[in-house]
C-alpha cells in the first residue's frame, strides 16, 4: 500500500480525532473550542418567560449548609448546573467567577454541581473559584428542569425566567451585565 498525500492527511485526521475523543489530551482542546464558540446569552421576551411557581428546592453545600430556593424568593438569582467532566461547563466557569466577583452582593449565585463533591472541591480550589456550590437534595422545580449541562437560568425578582441557556456562554459579557443591571434596580 502506497502512502500518498491524501492517505497521509486521512491518517493524521483519524489520529487527531482519536486523540481528541479518546484520550485525556482531548479535554483541554474541547474546553478551548467551547470558549471560542461561547456567546452572550439572550434575554427572553415577556411572552417566552416562564414564571417559577414552586420555590421549594432543597440544596446543600459540600460543607453541609442547607438552602431552600424559597429563601431567595424576591431576589435576582443566577443558577448554573455543571460538572467537572463537562468541557462546556469548564469553559464557562472563569466567566461565571468574573460575574460572581462583580455581582455577588446584588445577585444570588447558585452553582449546582452534578458531580462528586471531592472532585468539585478540588476543582474549585485549583482554579481559585469562590462562588458557592450546591448539590440537589430534593426534586428541582419543573420550570427549572434541565436535561443537559451546562444549563443556566437568570430569575428576576418576580420569579420570571428571563434567561435560560443550555451550553457554554460568556457570562461576563457586556450583554449579561446589562441584563443584570436592569434586574437589580
Protein backbone atom coordinates (compact mmCIF):
# COMPACT_ATOMS: atom_id res chain seq x y z
CA UNK A 1 0.00 0.00 0.00
CA UNK A 2 1.48 3.27 -1.11
CA UNK A 3 1.15 6.32 1.11
CA UNK A 4 0.15 9.33 -0.88
CA UNK A 5 -0.74 12.81 0.39
CA UNK A 6 -4.45 12.01 0.67
CA UNK A 7 -3.86 8.86 2.76
CA UNK A 8 -1.37 10.64 4.99
CA UNK A 9 -3.80 13.50 5.61
CA UNK A 10 -6.62 11.00 6.32
CA UNK A 11 -4.39 9.12 8.79
CA UNK A 12 -3.47 12.38 10.51
CA UNK A 13 -7.14 13.36 10.74
CA UNK A 14 -8.07 9.97 12.24
CA UNK A 15 -5.16 10.27 14.69
CA UNK A 16 -6.22 13.78 15.70
CA UNK A 17 -9.84 12.74 16.20
CA UNK A 18 -8.74 9.68 18.19
CA UNK A 19 -6.64 11.88 20.49
CA UNK A 20 -9.44 14.42 20.77
CA UNK A 21 -12.18 11.96 21.67
CA UNK A 22 -10.41 9.06 23.37
CA UNK A 23 -7.54 10.49 25.44
CA UNK A 24 -7.27 12.97 28.32
CA UNK A 25 -5.33 15.27 26.00
CA UNK A 26 -8.57 15.99 24.15
CA UNK A 27 -10.33 17.53 27.19
CA UNK A 28 -8.41 20.85 27.16
CA UNK A 29 -8.89 21.07 23.40
CA UNK A 30 -12.66 20.65 23.83
CA UNK A 31 -12.66 23.30 26.58
CA UNK A 32 -10.73 25.71 24.35
CA UNK A 33 -13.11 25.16 21.42
CA UNK A 34 -16.11 25.73 23.70
CA UNK A 35 -14.59 29.02 24.91
CA UNK A 36 -14.17 30.11 21.31
CA UNK A 37 -17.80 29.44 20.45
CA UNK A 38 -19.32 30.80 23.69
CA UNK A 39 -21.56 33.80 23.17
CA UNK A 40 -23.60 36.02 25.44
CA UNK A 41 -26.96 34.64 26.47
CA UNK A 42 -30.04 36.50 25.31
CA UNK A 43 -32.95 37.71 27.38
CA UNK A 44 -36.30 36.07 26.66
CA UNK A 45 -39.21 38.18 25.50
CA UNK A 46 -42.00 38.60 28.07
CA UNK A 47 -44.13 36.10 26.10
CA UNK A 48 -41.37 33.44 26.32
CA UNK A 49 -40.67 33.84 30.02
CA UNK A 50 -41.90 31.13 32.34
CA UNK A 51 -42.62 32.07 35.92
CA UNK A 52 -41.24 29.98 38.75
CA UNK A 53 -44.29 28.86 40.72
CA UNK A 54 -42.74 26.40 43.17
CA UNK A 55 -39.67 27.71 45.01
CA UNK A 56 -39.40 24.57 47.14
CA UNK A 57 -36.00 23.19 46.12
CA UNK A 58 -33.65 21.90 48.78
CA UNK A 59 -29.93 22.34 48.16
CA UNK A 60 -26.88 21.59 50.28
CA UNK A 61 -23.30 22.80 50.04
CA UNK A 62 -20.37 20.41 50.31
CA UNK A 63 -19.76 21.64 53.85
CA UNK A 64 -23.34 20.85 54.87
CA UNK A 65 -25.01 24.26 54.62
CA UNK A 66 -28.63 23.80 53.59
CA UNK A 67 -30.51 26.25 51.44
CA UNK A 68 -34.04 26.26 50.11
CA UNK A 69 -34.68 28.22 46.95
CA UNK A 70 -37.66 29.79 48.73
CA UNK A 71 -35.20 31.70 50.95
CA UNK A 72 -34.07 33.75 47.93
CA UNK A 73 -37.56 34.49 46.61
CA UNK A 74 -37.80 38.16 45.65
CA UNK A 75 -34.13 38.38 44.63
CA UNK A 76 -32.34 38.18 41.31
CA UNK A 77 -30.96 34.63 41.04
CA UNK A 78 -28.32 33.14 38.74
CA UNK A 79 -28.49 29.31 38.60
CA UNK A 80 -25.87 27.23 36.79
CA UNK A 81 -25.81 23.42 36.54
CA UNK A 82 -22.46 21.86 35.74
CA UNK A 83 -19.86 19.11 36.27
CA UNK A 84 -16.06 18.96 36.24
CA UNK A 85 -16.04 16.35 33.47
CA UNK A 86 -18.09 18.55 31.10
CA UNK A 87 -15.96 20.62 28.65
CA UNK A 88 -18.61 23.31 28.01
CA UNK A 89 -19.10 23.64 31.79
CA UNK A 90 -15.38 24.06 32.41
CA UNK A 91 -15.15 26.53 29.52
CA UNK A 92 -17.70 28.92 31.06
CA UNK A 93 -16.52 28.71 34.69
CA UNK A 94 -13.99 31.60 34.51
CA UNK A 95 -16.68 33.95 33.17
CA UNK A 96 -19.06 32.85 35.94
CA UNK A 97 -16.37 33.61 38.52
CA UNK A 98 -15.82 37.06 37.00
CA UNK A 99 -19.57 37.74 37.04
CA UNK A 100 -19.81 36.50 40.63
CA UNK A 101 -16.97 38.82 41.65
CA UNK A 102 -18.90 41.77 40.22
CA UNK A 103 -22.45 40.92 41.34
CA UNK A 104 -22.29 38.67 44.42
CA UNK A 105 -23.72 41.44 46.62
CA UNK A 106 -26.75 42.01 44.36
CA UNK A 107 -27.42 38.61 42.76
CA UNK A 108 -27.79 35.21 44.41
CA UNK A 109 -25.48 32.71 42.68
CA UNK A 110 -26.45 29.04 42.87
CA UNK A 111 -23.92 26.78 41.21
CA UNK A 112 -25.45 23.29 41.19
CA UNK A 113 -22.84 20.55 40.71
CA UNK A 114 -23.78 17.28 39.07
CA UNK A 115 -20.56 15.62 40.20
CA UNK A 116 -18.63 14.07 43.08
CA UNK A 117 -18.14 16.62 45.88
CA UNK A 118 -14.46 15.74 46.40
CA UNK A 119 -13.76 16.29 42.71
CA UNK A 120 -15.74 19.54 42.72
CA UNK A 121 -13.94 20.86 45.83
CA UNK A 122 -10.54 20.08 44.31
CA UNK A 123 -11.53 21.73 41.02
CA UNK A 124 -12.81 24.87 42.77
CA UNK A 125 -9.65 25.17 44.87
CA UNK A 126 -7.32 24.50 41.93
CA UNK A 127 -8.97 27.28 39.90
CA UNK A 128 -9.46 29.76 42.78
CA UNK A 129 -13.21 29.87 42.16
CA UNK A 130 -15.10 31.36 45.09
CA UNK A 131 -18.76 31.18 44.06
CA UNK A 132 -20.86 28.87 46.24
CA UNK A 133 -21.50 25.32 45.04
CA UNK A 134 -24.57 23.29 45.98
CA UNK A 135 -25.97 19.83 45.37
CA UNK A 136 -29.61 18.91 44.88
CA UNK A 137 -31.30 17.35 47.88
CA UNK A 138 -34.86 17.44 46.56
CA UNK A 139 -36.55 17.44 43.18
CA UNK A 140 -35.96 20.51 41.04
CA UNK A 141 -38.97 22.75 40.24
CA UNK A 142 -40.42 21.77 36.87
CA UNK A 143 -39.78 25.23 35.38
CA UNK A 144 -36.05 24.78 36.03
CA UNK A 145 -35.81 21.16 34.94
CA UNK A 146 -32.90 20.52 32.61
CA UNK A 147 -31.63 17.52 30.68
CA UNK A 148 -28.23 18.83 29.58
CA UNK A 149 -25.36 20.54 31.31
CA UNK A 150 -24.41 23.26 31.46
CA UNK A 151 -27.82 24.83 31.72
CA UNK A 152 -28.16 28.23 33.34
CA UNK A 153 -31.06 30.42 34.37
CA UNK A 154 -31.44 34.01 35.47
CA UNK A 155 -34.56 34.77 37.51
CA UNK A 156 -35.85 38.27 38.09
CA UNK A 157 -37.24 39.40 41.45
CA UNK A 158 -40.74 38.22 40.50
CA UNK A 159 -39.53 34.71 39.64
CA UNK A 160 -39.67 35.12 35.86
CA UNK A 161 -37.04 33.09 34.00
CA UNK A 162 -35.60 35.88 31.89
CA UNK A 163 -32.61 33.86 30.64
CA UNK A 164 -32.36 30.14 30.02
CA UNK A 165 -29.17 28.99 28.32
CA UNK A 166 -28.03 25.46 27.56
CA UNK A 167 -24.39 25.11 26.56
CA UNK A 168 -21.39 27.27 27.30
CA UNK A 169 -21.88 31.01 27.48
CA UNK A 170 -19.74 34.07 28.06
CA UNK A 171 -21.39 35.15 31.29
CA UNK A 172 -19.06 38.10 31.87
CA UNK A 173 -20.17 39.82 28.67
CA UNK A 174 -21.45 43.38 28.49
CA UNK A 175 -24.82 41.99 27.39
CA UNK A 176 -25.15 39.88 30.56
CA UNK A 177 -24.07 42.81 32.72
CA UNK A 178 -26.74 44.99 31.07
CA UNK A 179 -29.36 42.33 31.83
CA UNK A 180 -28.30 42.07 35.48
CA UNK A 181 -28.03 45.83 35.91
CA UNK A 182 -31.68 46.20 34.79
CA UNK A 183 -32.84 43.35 37.02
CA UNK A 184 -31.16 44.52 40.24
CA UNK A 185 -32.53 48.10 40.03
